[in-house]
Amino acid sequence: NIFTLFNIVFPVDTNDLSDIRWSPDNSVIIAWESQLEYKLFAYCPARGLLAKFEPYKYAMGIKSVNFSKNGEFLAVGSYDEKVSFHSVIFNLLFSPLGSID
């Protein structure tokens, strides 16, 4: 096995980065804002920002994010006790599928 360390640094478009999650194929990093803002970002380490998802302003922020095993869907849990589901298509264009209250 060959281990290679990459030193790639890029800025994120957050005021207070809460957490990150790698996609199952390791090609995309999902980052989200703190509990004070509902903002979700998709980054490619080689190309930077791919997509931004901010469905509404002045709402409780994102609590957790998880990809489906195949990487086609994204579940987003928020502090307002809702879960939204998104289809991940064509380099992370977020397409909302629905939510659970």
C-alpha atoms as a PDB file:
ATOM      1  CA  ASN A   1       0.000   0.000   0.000  1.00  0.00           C
ATOM      2  CA  ILE A   2       1.160   3.477  -0.835  1.00  0.00           C
ATOM      3  CA  PHE A   3       0.064   6.284   1.446  1.00  0.00           C
ATOM      4  CA  THR A   4       0.153   9.802   0.037  1.00  0.00           C
ATOM      5  CA  LEU A   5      -0.558  12.870   2.110  1.00  0.00           C
ATOM      6  CA  PHE A   6      -2.107  15.758   0.221  1.00  0.00           C
ATOM      7  CA  ASN A   7      -1.756  19.253   1.570  1.00  0.00           C
ATOM      8  CA  ILE A   8      -4.802  20.932   0.055  1.00  0.00           C
ATOM      9  CA  VAL A   9      -6.237  23.937   1.858  1.00  0.00           C
ATOM     10  CA  PHE A  10      -9.261  25.935   0.739  1.00  0.00           C
ATOM     11  CA  PRO A  11     -11.534  28.456   2.461  1.00  0.00           C
ATOM     12  CA  VAL A  12     -15.090  27.530   3.387  1.00  0.00           C
ATOM     13  CA  ASP A  13     -18.004  29.942   3.044  1.00  0.00           C
ATOM     14  CA  THR A  14     -19.147  29.728   6.675  1.00  0.00           C
ATOM     15  CA  ASN A  15     -19.159  32.103   9.606  1.00  0.00           C
ATOM     16  CA  ASP A  16     -18.726  29.265  12.106  1.00  0.00           C
ATOM     17  CA  LEU A  17     -18.002  25.856  10.556  1.00  0.00           C
ATOM     18  CA  SER A  18     -19.792  23.191  12.589  1.00  0.00           C
ATOM     19  CA  ASP A  19     -18.659  19.922  10.989  1.00  0.00           C
ATOM     20  CA  ILE A  20     -17.793  18.137   7.752  1.00  0.00           C
ATOM     21  CA  ARG A  21     -18.715  14.814   6.151  1.00  0.00           C
ATOM     22  CA  TRP A  22     -16.941  13.017   3.290  1.00  0.00           C
ATOM     23  CA  SER A  23     -19.061  11.505   0.506  1.00  0.00           C
ATOM     24  CA  PRO A  24     -18.922   7.684   0.242  1.00  0.00           C
ATOM     25  CA  ASP A  25     -16.668   7.893  -2.838  1.00  0.00           C
ATOM     26  CA  ASN A  26     -14.426  10.486  -1.122  1.00  0.00           C
ATOM     27  CA  SER A  27     -14.792  12.992  -3.949  1.00  0.00           C
ATOM     28  CA  VAL A  28     -16.836  15.608  -2.074  1.00  0.00           C
ATOM     29  CA  ILE A  29     -16.796  17.173   1.369  1.00  0.00           C
ATOM     30  CA  ILE A  30     -20.068  18.416   2.871  1.00  0.00           C
ATOM     31  CA  ALA A  31     -19.645  21.273   5.360  1.00  0.00           C
ATOM     32  CA  TRP A  32     -22.313  23.025   7.379  1.00  0.00           C
ATOM     33  CA  GLU A  33     -22.760  26.122   9.463  1.00  0.00           C
ATOM     34  CA  SER A  34     -23.274  26.201  13.244  1.00  0.00           C
ATOM     35  CA  GLN A  35     -26.651  25.774  14.898  1.00  0.00           C
ATOM     36  CA  LEU A  36     -27.407  29.458  14.318  1.00  0.00           C
ATOM     37  CA  GLU A  37     -27.704  29.257  10.505  1.00  0.00           C
ATOM     38  CA  TYR A  38     -29.130  26.669   8.099  1.00  0.00           C
ATOM     39  CA  LYS A  39     -26.432  26.486   5.410  1.00  0.00           C
ATOM     40  CA  LEU A  40     -24.967  23.415   3.717  1.00  0.00           C
ATOM     41  CA  PHE A  41     -21.995  23.467   1.328  1.00  0.00           C
ATOM     42  CA  ALA A  42     -20.482  20.896  -1.033  1.00  0.00           C
ATOM     43  CA  TYR A  43     -16.775  21.168  -1.825  1.00  0.00           C
ATOM     44  CA  CYS A  44     -14.470  19.300  -4.138  1.00  0.00           C
ATOM     45  CA  PRO A  45     -10.950  19.407  -2.681  1.00  0.00           C
ATOM     46  CA  ALA A  46      -9.505  19.999  -6.159  1.00  0.00           C
ATOM     47  CA  ARG A  47     -12.068  22.553  -7.421  1.00  0.00           C
ATOM     48  CA  GLY A  48     -13.516  24.283  -4.364  1.00  0.00           C
ATOM     49  CA  LEU A  49     -17.210  25.103  -3.861  1.00  0.00           C
ATOM     50  CA  LEU A  50     -19.610  22.976  -5.937  1.00  0.00           C
ATOM     51  CA  ALA A  51     -22.965  23.855  -4.386  1.00  0.00           C
ATOM     52  CA  LYS A  52     -24.607  25.787  -1.573  1.00  0.00           C
ATOM     53  CA  PHE A  53     -27.965  24.939   0.013  1.00  0.00           C
ATOM     54  CA  GLU A  54     -29.742  27.515   2.145  1.00  0.00           C
ATOM     55  CA  PRO A  55     -33.490  26.839   1.978  1.00  0.00           C
ATOM     56  CA  TYR A  56     -34.464  29.629   4.350  1.00  0.00           C
ATOM     57  CA  LYS A  57     -32.907  32.310   6.498  1.00  0.00           C
ATOM     58  CA  TYR A  58     -33.431  32.903  10.198  1.00  0.00           C
ATOM     59  CA  ALA A  59     -33.941  29.265  11.127  1.00  0.00           C
ATOM     60  CA  MET A  60     -32.257  26.865  13.493  1.00  0.00           C
ATOM     61  CA  GLY A  61     -29.182  25.290  11.952  1.00  0.00           C
ATOM     62  CA  ILE A  62     -28.104  21.819  10.882  1.00  0.00           C
ATOM     63  CA  LYS A  63     -27.540  19.194  13.550  1.00  0.00           C
ATOM     64  CA  SER A  64     -26.390  16.222  11.475  1.00  0.00           C
ATOM     65  CA  VAL A  65     -25.758  15.152   7.881  1.00  0.00           C
ATOM     66  CA  ASN A  66     -25.426  11.671   6.430  1.00  0.00           C
ATOM     67  CA  PHE A  67     -25.062  10.200   2.962  1.00  0.00           C
ATOM     68  CA  SER A  68     -26.800   7.019   1.872  1.00  0.00           C
ATOM     69  CA  LYS A  69     -24.367   4.145   1.333  1.00  0.00           C
ATOM     70  CA  ASN A  70     -24.405   4.623  -2.435  1.00  0.00           C
ATOM     71  CA  GLY A  71     -23.956   8.406  -2.122  1.00  0.00           C
ATOM     72  CA  GLU A  72     -27.102   9.248  -4.104  1.00  0.00           C
ATOM     73  CA  PHE A  73     -29.078  10.696  -1.185  1.00  0.00           C
ATOM     74  CA  LEU A  74     -28.347  13.033   1.696  1.00  0.00           C
ATOM     75  CA  ALA A  75     -30.301  13.232   4.968  1.00  0.00           C
ATOM     76  CA  VAL A  76     -30.072  16.508   6.895  1.00  0.00           C
ATOM     77  CA  GLY A  77     -31.286  16.790  10.485  1.00  0.00           C
ATOM     78  CA  SER A  78     -31.855  20.259  11.902  1.00  0.00           C
ATOM     79  CA  TYR A  79     -32.283  21.823  15.316  1.00  0.00           C
ATOM     80  CA  ASP A  80     -35.928  22.590  14.529  1.00  0.00           C
ATOM     81  CA  GLU A  81     -36.553  18.805  14.847  1.00  0.00           C
ATOM     82  CA  LYS A  82     -36.963  18.201  11.088  1.00  0.00           C
ATOM     83  CA  VAL A  83     -35.203  15.833   8.713  1.00  0.00           C
ATOM     84  CA  SER A  84     -34.953  16.688   5.023  1.00  0.00           C
ATOM     85  CA  PHE A  85     -33.949  14.327   2.246  1.00  0.00           C
ATOM     86  CA  HIS A  86     -32.066  15.386  -0.864  1.00  0.00           C
ATOM     87  CA  SER A  87     -31.178  13.732  -4.117  1.00  0.00           C
ATOM     88  CA  VAL A  88     -27.521  14.293  -4.950  1.00  0.00           C
ATOM     89  CA  ILE A  89     -27.220  14.698  -8.715  1.00  0.00           C
ATOM     90  CA  PHE A  90     -24.546  15.919 -11.129  1.00  0.00           C
ATOM     91  CA  ASN A  91     -21.763  16.981  -8.763  1.00  0.00           C
ATOM     92  CA  LEU A  92     -23.925  17.784  -5.771  1.00  0.00           C
ATOM     93  CA  LEU A  93     -26.794  19.849  -7.062  1.00  0.00           C
ATOM     94  CA  PHE A  94     -29.097  19.499  -4.077  1.00  0.00           C
ATOM     95  CA  SER A  95     -32.591  18.498  -5.068  1.00  0.00           C
ATOM     96  CA  PRO A  96     -34.981  18.383  -2.100  1.00  0.00           C
ATOM     97  CA  LEU A  97     -37.129  15.245  -1.992  1.00  0.00           C
ATOM     98  CA  GLY A  98     -39.144  15.971   1.134  1.00  0.00           C
ATOM     99  CA  SER A  99     -38.986  16.331   4.876  1.00  0.00           C
ATOM    100  CA  ILE A 100     -40.275  14.812   8.087  1.00  0.00           C
ATOM    101  CA  ASP A 101     -41.578  17.084  10.823  1.00  0.00           C
END
